[in-house]
Amino acid sequence: MTTKPLLTALLPLVSDLSRDLPDQERYRRLLQAMRSLLPCDAAALLRLDGQWLVPLAVDGLSPDTVGRRFKVSEHPRFQILLSSPSPTRFASDSELPDPYDGLVNTPDVDLEVHDCMGCPLMVDERPWGLVTLDALTPGQFQSLELDALQAFASLAAATVTVAERIERLALRAENEHQRAEVYRQASGQDRELIGQSPAHKRMLEEIRLVGSSDLTVLITGETGVGKELVAQALHQASSRAHKPLISLNCAALPDTLVESELFGHVRGAFTGAHAERRGKFELANGGTLFLDEVGELPLAVQAKLLRVLQSGQLQRLGSDREHHVDVRLIAATNRDLAAEVRSGRLRADFYHRLSVYPLHVPPLRERARDVLLLAGYFLEQNRSRLGLSSLRLDADTQAALLSYDWPGNVRELEHLIGRSALKALGRQTVRPRILSLTAADLDLQPLASLPAQLAPAHETAVPELGAGGLRQALDTYQRQLIQACLDQHQGNWAATARVLELDRANLSRLARRLGIR
C-alpha cells in the first residue's frame, strides 16, 4: 500500500481531533475511513471494560451488536488480539470461533466469518480496546499490509483519548461530583442502562443531574422497565457510591414483617424474634435505601417511615432506644401515587416526601430501535449460557421485535430471548455453529396476550362510569379478570400470575386489595 492513500484516509481523521464532535460521530468516521482504506465487510471499535469488550461503534454488523457484551475469556480471538501489542491476522482456515459469526450484515451469503484481523488500542501504554475487521471472502486480508492497520490503531487510540478528555472536562465544568459512572454491578460485570433513543438519553441526563444530590427520588414507570437498574445508577452517580445500596421490595413482604424489615427489632419483640436484628435503614446507614413498590406499604408503616425520613431517628421494634441514620431514599412504583392519595390508600404527606424529584422511566415501546440493542445484550448472555458459538436474529425477527408493543417491557424482552433461544436449540438435531432465531421462534402474541375467553368484549360506545369513577371501573375490571383466570386454573395462584405476567407477591397484594380470596 502506497503512502498517498494512507495519508488521504488519515488526514481528515487528524483534523477531526481538534473538532467538537459527538463520540458516536467521531467513532463512525474512524470506522468508515478504515473500511475505505482496508476493504472489508465489517469493522468494529470495542472498549475493554474489565473482563468484557463493549462495542462502541460498528460498521457492517447487525445493529444488535452494539448491545452485546463480549466476555474476553469466552472468545479466544479477542484474547489473542489483546495479548499482542501489534496487529494480528488470523488464517482463513482458523478453527477458532469468531465472535461475529452470523452478525455481518450481508444477506444471502455464508454467515460464518472467514477472514479476521485486528489490533489492540493502547492508551497510556495499556490496552484500552480493539479495532477489528472481518471479511466473508476467504483470503481477502492476505494482501493487506499490517502497517496500515497499525497506523489506524494509533490514530484510533488518539481519537478515544481526545473523546474521553473532552468528556471529562465537560463533566468537571458541569459539576465535580457528576463524573461517576451511571452503572455498576457487584457480581463483576457492569449493569448498563443500554440505549441510544432520545427518551433513554433524556433519562440518563436526569440521572446525572439528580444523582450527585441527596434528594429523594421517586422512580415511576411500568412493570419491567428497569426501575431497580435506574436506582442502582442513581446510587453510583452519588457521593454515597462507596457506601451500601440496600434494597427492599415492599410488595414481597406480609404487612406484619414490613416494619421489622425496615426498622429492625430486639429479641422478644414478637413471636419468632429470637435475636436482635438491624433493619434496612441501619444497614443502609451512610448509603442509599431503595424501596421498590413503595405504594404497597401499609398506612401505619407510612407514618413511621415519614418520621425517619424527616428526623433520621428510628426505634427498633420492641425498643425505646433511638438510633440515628443518614440514608438517602430512592423509591419506585408502577402505580399512580397521586390517585392512591385521593383514594385514601396513601398518606399525602408521605407522597410529597417521596416525590421530591420524580423520575420517569420510559416504556420500551417509546424507545424505538433500543429494542435491538437490548436484544443483542440478552442474545450474548444466552449464547454464553447455552455454550453456542453464535446466536443471532434474522431480518424478519428484528422486524418482529421492532413492531411489537412490549407490554412487559425490558423484562419481557429478556425472558423472550432466553425462552426462544432454548426452544430453537431444542429443535436442532445437530448442534449448530450459528443458531438463528426466527420470528416463529419468538411466537409473539398481540398486546394483552391473555386467553381469548378472559378478554373483555369490545364496545362500540364508551360505557358509562359508575359512582366510583375510573378508579372503581378499573378495580372492577381487574377483579373480574383475576377471578376468571383463577377459575380457569382451578385456583392456582402461581399459574394465574404467569398468565397475567405479574409477580406472584404483587398479584397476592392486588387481590387482597380488591377483596379476592
Protein backbone atom coordinates (compact mmCIF):
# COMPACT_ATOMS: atom_id res chain seq x y z
CA MET A 1 0.00 0.00 0.00
CA THR A 2 1.43 3.36 -1.01
CA THR A 3 1.79 6.27 1.38
CA LYS A 4 -0.62 8.57 -0.50
CA PRO A 5 -3.85 6.53 0.01
CA LEU A 6 -2.93 6.09 3.65
CA LEU A 7 -2.42 9.83 4.17
CA THR A 8 -5.61 10.59 2.23
CA ALA A 9 -7.58 8.39 4.63
CA LEU A 10 -5.84 9.57 7.82
CA LEU A 11 -5.67 13.35 7.31
CA PRO A 12 -9.44 14.01 7.75
CA LEU A 13 -9.33 11.99 10.97
CA VAL A 14 -6.38 14.00 12.27
CA SER A 15 -8.40 17.15 11.52
CA ASP A 16 -11.35 15.69 13.46
CA LEU A 17 -9.21 15.52 16.62
CA SER A 18 -9.48 19.29 17.02
CA ARG A 19 -13.23 19.39 16.35
CA ASP A 20 -16.04 19.19 18.89
CA LEU A 21 -17.87 16.08 17.66
CA PRO A 22 -20.22 13.66 19.42
CA ASP A 23 -18.36 10.48 20.34
CA GLN A 24 -20.57 8.31 18.13
CA GLU A 25 -19.90 10.52 15.10
CA ARG A 26 -16.17 10.54 15.83
CA TYR A 27 -16.07 6.75 16.02
CA ARG A 28 -18.28 6.33 12.95
CA ARG A 29 -15.90 8.44 10.82
CA LEU A 30 -12.98 6.40 12.07
CA LEU A 31 -14.53 3.09 11.01
CA GLN A 32 -15.69 4.43 7.65
CA ALA A 33 -12.18 5.70 6.87
CA MET A 34 -10.70 2.38 7.90
CA ARG A 35 -13.06 0.46 5.61
CA SER A 36 -12.26 2.77 2.71
CA LEU A 37 -8.55 2.01 3.07
CA LEU A 38 -8.80 -1.64 4.15
CA PRO A 39 -11.72 -3.21 2.22
CA CYS A 40 -13.78 -5.46 4.46
CA ASP A 41 -17.38 -6.45 5.15
CA ALA A 42 -17.44 -5.22 8.75
CA ALA A 43 -15.43 -3.19 11.23
CA ALA A 44 -15.83 -2.54 14.93
CA LEU A 45 -14.36 -0.43 17.72
CA LEU A 46 -14.56 -2.06 21.17
CA ARG A 47 -13.65 -0.75 24.62
CA LEU A 48 -12.10 -3.06 27.20
CA ASP A 49 -14.08 -2.83 30.43
CA GLY A 50 -12.64 -5.23 32.98
CA GLN A 51 -13.18 -8.71 31.56
CA TRP A 52 -15.65 -7.51 28.93
CA LEU A 53 -15.35 -5.92 25.48
CA VAL A 54 -18.06 -3.32 24.85
CA PRO A 55 -18.81 -2.30 21.21
CA LEU A 56 -18.73 1.50 20.89
CA ALA A 57 -19.29 1.63 17.13
CA VAL A 58 -19.82 -0.91 14.36
CA ASP A 59 -19.98 -0.64 10.59
CA GLY A 60 -21.35 -3.55 8.57
CA LEU A 61 -22.51 -5.57 11.59
CA SER A 62 -26.05 -6.26 12.78
CA PRO A 63 -27.43 -3.34 14.85
CA ASP A 64 -27.91 -5.57 17.90
CA THR A 65 -24.10 -5.98 18.07
CA VAL A 66 -23.81 -2.62 19.85
CA GLY A 67 -25.89 -4.01 22.72
CA ARG A 68 -23.75 -7.13 23.15
CA ARG A 69 -21.08 -7.51 25.80
CA PHE A 70 -18.32 -9.97 24.90
CA LYS A 71 -16.63 -11.77 27.77
CA VAL A 72 -12.97 -11.93 26.70
CA SER A 73 -12.35 -15.33 28.29
CA GLU A 74 -15.09 -16.86 26.11
CA HIS A 75 -13.68 -15.55 22.81
CA PRO A 76 -10.16 -16.86 22.02
CA ARG A 77 -9.69 -14.50 19.04
CA PHE A 78 -10.26 -11.50 21.27
CA GLN A 79 -7.81 -12.95 23.80
CA ILE A 80 -5.12 -13.30 21.12
CA LEU A 81 -5.71 -9.77 19.80
CA LEU A 82 -5.45 -8.23 23.27
CA SER A 83 -2.31 -10.19 24.16
CA SER A 84 -0.33 -8.92 21.15
CA PRO A 85 1.00 -5.34 21.00
CA SER A 86 0.82 -5.35 17.20
CA PRO A 87 -1.88 -6.23 14.61
CA THR A 88 -2.88 -9.88 14.22
CA ARG A 89 -4.22 -11.52 11.06
CA PHE A 90 -5.90 -14.89 11.51
CA ALA A 91 -5.63 -17.59 8.88
CA SER A 92 -8.74 -18.02 6.72
CA ASP A 93 -8.99 -21.66 7.79
CA SER A 94 -8.55 -20.92 11.50
CA GLU A 95 -10.68 -23.19 13.66
CA LEU A 96 -11.08 -20.59 16.38
CA PRO A 97 -14.72 -19.41 16.68
CA ASP A 98 -15.28 -15.85 15.51
CA PRO A 99 -17.36 -13.58 17.79
CA TYR A 100 -19.01 -12.03 14.73
CA ASP A 101 -20.20 -15.26 13.12
CA GLY A 102 -23.76 -14.58 11.96
CA LEU A 103 -23.58 -10.86 12.70
CA VAL A 104 -22.09 -9.49 9.48
CA ASN A 105 -24.86 -7.54 7.75
CA THR A 106 -24.55 -9.11 4.29
CA PRO A 107 -27.63 -11.04 3.10
CA ASP A 108 -27.66 -14.25 1.09
CA VAL A 109 -24.08 -15.31 1.88
CA ASP A 110 -22.39 -17.77 4.21
CA LEU A 111 -22.83 -16.20 7.64
CA GLU A 112 -19.58 -17.53 9.03
CA VAL A 113 -16.74 -15.01 9.01
CA HIS A 114 -13.73 -16.29 7.05
CA ASP A 115 -11.10 -13.57 7.38
CA CYS A 116 -10.43 -11.65 10.56
CA MET A 117 -7.77 -9.20 11.65
CA GLY A 118 -7.48 -6.73 14.48
CA CYS A 119 -5.23 -4.60 16.61
CA PRO A 120 -5.26 -3.50 20.26
CA LEU A 121 -5.66 0.19 21.09
CA MET A 122 -3.01 1.28 23.57
CA VAL A 123 -3.70 4.30 25.81
CA ASP A 124 -1.02 5.24 28.35
CA GLU A 125 0.80 2.04 27.35
CA ARG A 126 -2.11 -0.14 28.47
CA PRO A 127 -4.70 -1.97 26.31
CA TRP A 128 -7.82 0.22 26.06
CA GLY A 129 -9.72 -1.84 23.49
CA LEU A 130 -9.67 -3.22 19.97
CA VAL A 131 -10.32 -2.36 16.35
CA THR A 132 -11.40 -5.38 14.29
CA LEU A 133 -12.01 -6.04 10.62
CA ASP A 134 -13.87 -9.02 9.17
CA ALA A 135 -14.50 -10.32 5.67
CA LEU A 136 -16.75 -13.07 4.35
CA THR A 137 -14.40 -13.83 1.44
CA PRO A 138 -11.55 -16.21 2.34
CA GLY A 139 -8.11 -14.71 1.76
CA GLN A 140 -9.36 -11.14 1.41
CA PHE A 141 -6.90 -9.84 4.01
CA GLN A 142 -3.83 -11.78 2.88
CA SER A 143 -2.56 -8.99 0.62
CA LEU A 144 -3.14 -6.19 3.13
CA GLU A 145 -0.23 -4.65 4.95
CA LEU A 146 -0.49 -4.75 8.71
CA ASP A 147 1.31 -1.39 8.95
CA ALA A 148 -1.83 0.36 7.68
CA LEU A 149 -3.92 -1.23 10.41
CA GLN A 150 -1.26 -0.27 12.98
CA ALA A 151 -1.48 3.34 11.79
CA PHE A 152 -5.24 3.26 12.19
CA ALA A 153 -4.95 1.73 15.63
CA SER A 154 -2.62 4.53 16.73
CA LEU A 155 -5.00 7.15 15.39
CA ALA A 156 -7.95 5.38 16.97
CA ALA A 157 -6.15 5.44 20.33
CA ALA A 158 -5.60 9.19 19.91
CA THR A 159 -9.27 9.60 18.96
CA VAL A 160 -10.63 7.83 22.03
CA THR A 161 -8.15 9.68 24.25
CA VAL A 162 -9.38 13.02 22.90
CA ALA A 163 -13.02 11.96 23.25
CA GLU A 164 -12.50 10.88 26.87
CA ARG A 165 -10.65 14.06 27.79
CA ILE A 166 -13.36 16.23 26.24
CA GLU A 167 -15.99 14.31 28.22
CA ARG A 168 -14.03 14.66 31.47
CA LEU A 169 -13.59 18.38 31.00
CA ALA A 170 -17.29 18.87 30.22
CA LEU A 171 -18.36 16.90 33.27
CA ARG A 172 -15.90 18.74 35.51
CA ALA A 173 -17.20 22.08 34.30
CA GLU A 174 -20.77 20.93 34.96
CA ASN A 175 -20.17 19.51 38.43
CA GLU A 176 -17.21 17.80 40.03
CA HIS A 177 -19.46 15.17 41.57
CA GLN A 178 -21.12 14.13 38.32
CA ARG A 179 -18.17 12.24 36.95
CA ALA A 180 -19.24 8.91 38.42
CA GLU A 181 -20.26 6.07 36.18
CA VAL A 182 -24.03 5.51 35.90
CA TYR A 183 -23.93 1.76 36.20
CA ARG A 184 -22.20 -0.85 38.36
CA GLN A 185 -22.96 -4.39 39.41
CA ALA A 186 -21.33 -6.13 42.32
CA SER A 187 -21.20 -9.51 40.54
CA GLY A 188 -18.40 -8.40 38.23
CA GLN A 189 -19.97 -7.13 35.01
CA ASP A 190 -21.27 -3.59 34.93
CA ARG A 191 -25.03 -3.48 34.54
CA GLU A 192 -25.58 -0.90 31.89
CA LEU A 193 -28.51 1.27 31.03
CA ILE A 194 -28.33 0.34 27.36
CA GLY A 195 -29.92 2.58 24.75
CA GLN A 196 -29.42 5.37 22.24
CA SER A 197 -33.00 6.64 21.79
CA PRO A 198 -33.87 10.26 22.69
CA ALA A 199 -36.16 9.10 25.52
CA HIS A 200 -33.38 6.97 27.00
CA LYS A 201 -30.80 9.76 26.71
CA ARG A 202 -33.14 12.19 28.47
CA MET A 203 -33.45 9.74 31.35
CA LEU A 204 -29.66 9.40 31.59
CA GLU A 205 -29.32 13.17 31.75
CA GLU A 206 -31.79 13.26 34.64
CA ILE A 207 -29.81 10.56 36.41
CA ARG A 208 -26.63 12.61 36.05
CA LEU A 209 -28.45 15.73 37.20
CA VAL A 210 -30.04 14.39 40.36
CA GLY A 211 -27.64 11.54 41.07
CA SER A 212 -24.99 13.70 42.72
CA SER A 213 -27.51 15.27 45.10
CA ASP A 214 -29.08 13.82 48.24
CA LEU A 215 -32.61 14.47 47.03
CA THR A 216 -35.20 11.74 47.47
CA VAL A 217 -36.07 10.33 44.05
CA LEU A 218 -39.37 8.67 43.11
CA ILE A 219 -38.84 6.41 40.08
CA THR A 220 -42.05 5.78 38.16
CA GLY A 221 -42.72 3.52 35.22
CA GLU A 222 -44.48 0.40 34.05
CA THR A 223 -43.59 -3.07 35.27
CA GLY A 224 -40.41 -4.37 33.68
CA VAL A 225 -38.86 -1.08 32.50
CA GLY A 226 -35.81 -1.39 34.78
CA LYS A 227 -36.60 0.83 37.76
CA GLU A 228 -34.21 -1.08 40.02
CA LEU A 229 -31.41 -0.59 37.49
CA VAL A 230 -32.12 3.15 37.49
CA ALA A 231 -31.93 3.15 41.30
CA GLN A 232 -28.50 1.49 41.10
CA ALA A 233 -27.38 4.12 38.57
CA LEU A 234 -28.53 6.93 40.87
CA HIS A 235 -26.60 5.42 43.76
CA GLN A 236 -23.44 5.04 41.69
CA ALA A 237 -23.72 8.65 40.48
CA SER A 238 -23.83 9.90 44.07
CA SER A 239 -21.17 10.70 46.65
CA ARG A 240 -22.51 7.66 48.56
CA ALA A 241 -21.41 5.21 45.85
CA HIS A 242 -18.73 3.72 48.14
CA LYS A 243 -21.39 3.01 50.77
CA PRO A 244 -24.05 0.27 50.64
CA LEU A 245 -27.15 0.26 48.47
CA ILE A 246 -29.83 -1.70 50.34
CA SER A 247 -33.00 -2.78 48.54
CA LEU A 248 -36.40 -3.85 49.84
CA ASN A 249 -39.38 -4.97 47.76
CA CYS A 250 -42.31 -3.68 49.78
CA ALA A 251 -44.76 -5.89 47.90
CA ALA A 252 -42.92 -9.12 48.68
CA LEU A 253 -43.44 -8.99 52.47
CA PRO A 254 -46.51 -9.58 54.64
CA ASP A 255 -47.72 -6.41 56.38
CA THR A 256 -46.64 -7.87 59.73
CA LEU A 257 -42.98 -8.07 58.70
CA VAL A 258 -42.54 -4.79 56.83
CA GLU A 259 -41.89 -2.72 59.95
CA SER A 260 -39.33 -5.21 61.26
CA GLU A 261 -37.55 -5.29 57.89
CA LEU A 262 -37.33 -1.50 57.76
CA PHE A 263 -36.51 -0.63 61.35
CA GLY A 264 -35.23 -3.86 62.88
CA HIS A 265 -36.28 -5.47 66.16
CA VAL A 266 -34.96 -6.58 69.51
CA ARG A 267 -35.11 -10.06 70.96
CA GLY A 268 -38.62 -11.00 72.08
CA ALA A 269 -40.31 -8.14 70.18
CA PHE A 270 -42.70 -10.66 68.61
CA THR A 271 -43.09 -14.40 68.22
CA GLY A 272 -40.03 -15.73 66.40
CA ALA A 273 -37.79 -12.75 67.25
CA HIS A 274 -35.06 -14.87 68.83
CA ALA A 275 -32.27 -12.35 68.41
CA GLU A 276 -31.75 -8.65 67.96
CA ARG A 277 -31.70 -7.60 64.31
CA ARG A 278 -30.89 -4.41 62.43
CA GLY A 279 -33.36 -3.20 59.82
CA LYS A 280 -32.74 -1.98 56.28
CA PHE A 281 -32.34 1.63 57.40
CA GLU A 282 -29.44 0.81 59.69
CA LEU A 283 -27.86 -1.47 57.10
CA ALA A 284 -28.01 1.41 54.59
CA ASN A 285 -26.56 3.98 57.01
CA GLY A 286 -24.30 6.34 55.06
CA GLY A 287 -25.58 4.94 51.79
CA THR A 288 -28.85 4.54 49.91
CA LEU A 289 -32.08 2.71 50.69
CA PHE A 290 -34.14 1.63 47.68
CA LEU A 291 -37.82 0.86 48.35
CA ASP A 292 -39.38 -0.92 45.37
CA GLU A 293 -43.19 -0.98 45.04
CA VAL A 294 -43.37 1.69 47.74
CA GLY A 295 -47.09 2.21 47.12
CA GLU A 296 -47.76 -1.16 48.77
CA LEU A 297 -46.69 -0.01 52.24
CA PRO A 298 -49.46 -0.09 54.88
CA LEU A 299 -50.68 3.29 56.16
CA ALA A 300 -49.33 2.65 59.67
CA VAL A 301 -45.84 1.98 58.33
CA GLN A 302 -46.03 5.06 56.10
CA ALA A 303 -46.42 7.26 59.18
CA LYS A 304 -43.39 5.72 60.94
CA LEU A 305 -41.34 5.84 57.78
CA LEU A 306 -42.16 9.52 57.33
CA ARG A 307 -40.77 10.28 60.81
CA VAL A 308 -37.48 8.52 59.99
CA LEU A 309 -37.16 10.40 56.70
CA GLN A 310 -37.75 13.74 58.40
CA SER A 311 -35.60 13.30 61.51
CA GLY A 312 -33.23 10.43 60.78
CA GLN A 313 -34.31 8.86 64.09
CA LEU A 314 -35.75 5.35 64.40
CA GLN A 315 -36.59 2.78 67.04
CA ARG A 316 -36.32 -0.95 66.58
CA LEU A 317 -39.48 -2.91 67.27
CA GLY A 318 -39.72 -3.64 70.98
CA SER A 319 -37.15 -1.00 71.95
CA ASP A 320 -37.40 2.61 73.10
CA ARG A 321 -33.79 3.36 72.23
CA GLU A 322 -33.25 5.90 69.44
CA HIS A 323 -30.91 5.16 66.55
CA HIS A 324 -29.76 7.88 64.16
CA VAL A 325 -29.30 7.06 60.47
CA ASP A 326 -28.05 9.05 57.50
CA VAL A 327 -29.74 7.50 54.48
CA ARG A 328 -30.68 8.69 51.04
CA LEU A 329 -34.04 7.28 49.93
CA ILE A 330 -34.89 6.16 46.41
CA ALA A 331 -38.37 4.75 45.87
CA ALA A 332 -40.06 3.14 42.88
CA THR A 333 -43.62 2.36 41.88
CA ASN A 334 -45.67 1.35 38.86
CA ARG A 335 -48.81 2.86 40.38
CA ASP A 336 -50.28 6.36 40.22
CA LEU A 337 -49.46 7.50 43.75
CA ALA A 338 -51.41 10.74 43.40
CA ALA A 339 -54.50 8.63 42.73
CA GLU A 340 -53.63 6.46 45.73
CA VAL A 341 -53.61 9.61 47.89
CA ARG A 342 -57.04 10.63 46.60
CA SER A 343 -58.39 7.16 47.35
CA GLY A 344 -57.03 7.25 50.90
CA ARG A 345 -54.56 4.38 50.41
CA LEU A 346 -51.52 6.63 50.66
CA ARG A 347 -50.77 9.48 53.05
CA ALA A 348 -50.50 12.85 51.31
CA ASP A 349 -47.51 13.95 53.44
CA PHE A 350 -45.75 10.67 52.72
CA TYR A 351 -46.36 11.09 48.98
CA HIS A 352 -44.93 14.61 48.95
CA ARG A 353 -41.89 13.45 50.92
CA LEU A 354 -41.26 10.70 48.36
CA SER A 355 -41.77 12.76 45.22
CA VAL A 356 -39.12 15.43 45.81
CA TYR A 357 -37.67 14.53 42.40
CA PRO A 358 -39.91 12.35 40.19
CA LEU A 359 -38.01 10.42 37.52
CA HIS A 360 -39.98 8.59 34.85
CA VAL A 361 -38.53 5.51 33.12
CA PRO A 362 -39.91 5.34 29.55
CA PRO A 363 -41.57 2.11 28.38
CA LEU A 364 -39.74 0.05 25.79
CA ARG A 365 -42.29 0.83 23.07
CA GLU A 366 -41.23 4.51 23.25
CA ARG A 367 -37.54 3.72 22.78
CA ALA A 368 -37.54 2.83 19.06
CA ARG A 369 -34.50 0.76 18.00
CA ASP A 370 -33.24 0.37 21.56
CA VAL A 371 -35.13 -2.93 21.35
CA LEU A 372 -32.42 -4.35 19.08
CA LEU A 373 -29.57 -3.13 21.29
CA LEU A 374 -31.15 -4.74 24.34
CA ALA A 375 -31.88 -7.89 22.33
CA GLY A 376 -28.19 -8.05 21.42
CA TYR A 377 -27.25 -7.82 25.10
CA PHE A 378 -29.57 -10.70 26.01
CA LEU A 379 -28.53 -12.73 22.95
CA GLU A 380 -24.90 -12.63 24.02
CA GLN A 381 -25.85 -13.64 27.57
CA ASN A 382 -27.80 -16.64 26.27
CA ARG A 383 -25.12 -17.54 23.72
CA SER A 384 -22.68 -17.92 26.60
CA ARG A 385 -25.19 -19.69 28.85
CA LEU A 386 -26.10 -22.25 26.17
CA GLY A 387 -22.50 -22.79 25.03
CA LEU A 388 -23.15 -21.64 21.46
CA SER A 389 -20.63 -20.14 19.04
CA SER A 390 -23.16 -17.64 17.71
CA LEU A 391 -26.74 -16.67 18.48
CA ARG A 392 -28.37 -14.17 16.12
CA LEU A 393 -31.62 -12.72 14.81
CA ASP A 394 -32.63 -12.91 11.17
CA ALA A 395 -34.08 -9.84 9.43
CA ASP A 396 -37.73 -10.90 9.90
CA THR A 397 -37.12 -11.46 13.61
CA GLN A 398 -35.62 -8.00 14.01
CA ALA A 399 -38.66 -6.52 12.26
CA ALA A 400 -40.99 -8.50 14.56
CA LEU A 401 -39.22 -7.18 17.65
CA LEU A 402 -39.46 -3.60 16.41
CA SER A 403 -43.18 -3.84 15.61
CA TYR A 404 -44.24 -5.40 18.93
CA ASP A 405 -45.73 -3.21 21.70
CA TRP A 406 -43.86 -4.79 24.66
CA PRO A 407 -46.46 -4.69 27.44
CA GLY A 408 -43.87 -6.33 29.74
CA ASN A 409 -41.07 -4.00 28.64
CA VAL A 410 -37.37 -4.94 29.04
CA ARG A 411 -38.11 -7.81 31.40
CA GLU A 412 -40.45 -9.34 28.81
CA LEU A 413 -37.76 -8.98 26.13
CA GLU A 414 -35.18 -10.64 28.37
CA HIS A 415 -37.42 -13.61 29.09
CA LEU A 416 -38.49 -13.86 25.46
CA ILE A 417 -34.92 -14.07 24.16
CA GLY A 418 -33.98 -16.69 26.74
CA ARG A 419 -37.08 -18.80 26.10
CA SER A 420 -36.80 -18.55 22.31
CA ALA A 421 -33.11 -19.48 22.28
CA LEU A 422 -33.76 -22.57 24.39
CA LYS A 423 -36.69 -23.67 22.22
CA ALA A 424 -34.80 -23.05 18.97
CA LEU A 425 -31.80 -25.05 20.21
CA GLY A 426 -34.05 -27.87 21.37
CA ARG A 427 -35.43 -28.29 17.85
CA GLN A 428 -31.98 -28.85 16.33
CA THR A 429 -30.95 -32.45 15.65
CA VAL A 430 -27.30 -31.41 15.35
CA ARG A 431 -25.84 -28.65 17.49
CA PRO A 432 -25.34 -25.74 15.04
CA ARG A 433 -22.37 -23.39 14.93
CA ILE A 434 -24.69 -20.46 14.22
CA LEU A 435 -28.19 -20.53 15.70
CA SER A 436 -30.59 -18.03 14.12
CA LEU A 437 -33.79 -17.11 15.93
CA THR A 438 -36.77 -16.71 13.61
CA ALA A 439 -40.00 -14.81 14.11
CA ALA A 440 -41.71 -18.17 14.64
CA ASP A 441 -39.29 -18.94 17.50
CA LEU A 442 -40.37 -15.72 19.25
CA ASP A 443 -44.06 -16.59 18.96
CA LEU A 444 -45.03 -13.01 19.77
CA GLN A 445 -48.70 -12.64 20.60
CA PRO A 446 -50.76 -9.47 20.19
CA LEU A 447 -50.75 -6.97 23.05
CA ALA A 448 -52.51 -8.25 26.17
CA SER A 449 -51.78 -11.88 25.29
CA LEU A 450 -54.38 -13.28 27.64
CA PRO A 451 -56.65 -16.21 26.75
CA ALA A 452 -59.46 -15.08 24.49
CA GLN A 453 -62.13 -16.09 26.97
CA LEU A 454 -60.60 -13.67 29.51
CA ALA A 455 -60.55 -10.66 27.20
CA PRO A 456 -63.40 -8.16 27.58
CA ALA A 457 -65.83 -7.75 24.71
CA HIS A 458 -65.18 -4.64 22.61
CA GLU A 459 -67.80 -1.93 22.93
CA THR A 460 -68.71 0.41 20.10
CA ALA A 461 -69.77 3.09 22.60
CA VAL A 462 -67.96 4.35 25.68
CA PRO A 463 -69.54 2.63 28.70
CA GLU A 464 -70.93 4.78 31.50
CA LEU A 465 -68.84 5.01 34.65
CA GLY A 466 -70.41 4.27 37.98
CA ALA A 467 -70.26 6.36 41.12
CA GLY A 468 -66.63 5.41 41.79
CA GLY A 469 -65.39 6.87 38.51
CA LEU A 470 -62.47 5.46 36.54
CA ARG A 471 -60.69 4.00 39.58
CA GLN A 472 -63.70 1.95 40.57
CA ALA A 473 -64.20 0.79 37.00
CA LEU A 474 -60.57 -0.34 36.78
CA ASP A 475 -60.82 -2.16 40.09
CA THR A 476 -63.96 -3.94 38.90
CA TYR A 477 -62.29 -4.97 35.65
CA GLN A 478 -59.16 -6.24 37.43
CA ARG A 479 -61.28 -8.13 39.95
CA GLN A 480 -63.25 -9.85 37.17
CA LEU A 481 -60.13 -10.65 35.15
CA ILE A 482 -58.19 -12.14 38.07
CA GLN A 483 -61.20 -14.16 39.23
CA ALA A 484 -61.82 -15.50 35.74
CA CYS A 485 -58.18 -16.54 35.42
CA LEU A 486 -58.25 -18.18 38.86
CA ASP A 487 -61.35 -20.13 37.90
CA GLN A 488 -59.72 -21.27 34.68
CA HIS A 489 -56.66 -22.55 36.59
CA GLN A 490 -58.61 -24.14 39.46
CA GLY A 491 -57.47 -21.53 41.97
CA ASN A 492 -53.76 -21.93 41.16
CA TRP A 493 -52.23 -18.55 42.05
CA ALA A 494 -48.84 -19.28 40.52
CA ALA A 495 -50.38 -20.19 37.13
CA THR A 496 -52.62 -17.11 37.31
CA ALA A 497 -49.61 -14.87 37.97
CA ARG A 498 -47.78 -16.34 34.95
CA VAL A 499 -50.74 -15.75 32.62
CA LEU A 500 -51.24 -12.20 33.86
CA GLU A 501 -47.47 -11.58 33.71
CA LEU A 502 -47.37 -10.39 37.32
CA ASP A 503 -45.02 -11.10 40.17
CA ARG A 504 -46.65 -13.66 42.50
CA ALA A 505 -46.32 -11.39 45.54
CA ASN A 506 -47.69 -8.39 43.62
CA LEU A 507 -50.68 -10.42 42.49
CA SER A 508 -51.41 -11.51 46.07
CA ARG A 509 -51.35 -7.92 47.29
CA LEU A 510 -53.51 -6.70 44.43
CA ALA A 511 -56.01 -9.49 45.05
CA ARG A 512 -56.15 -8.68 48.75
CA ARG A 513 -56.80 -5.01 47.98
CA LEU A 514 -59.57 -6.00 45.55
CA GLY A 515 -61.16 -8.34 48.07
CA ILE A 516 -60.36 -11.59 46.21
CA ARG A 517 -59.71 -14.56 48.48
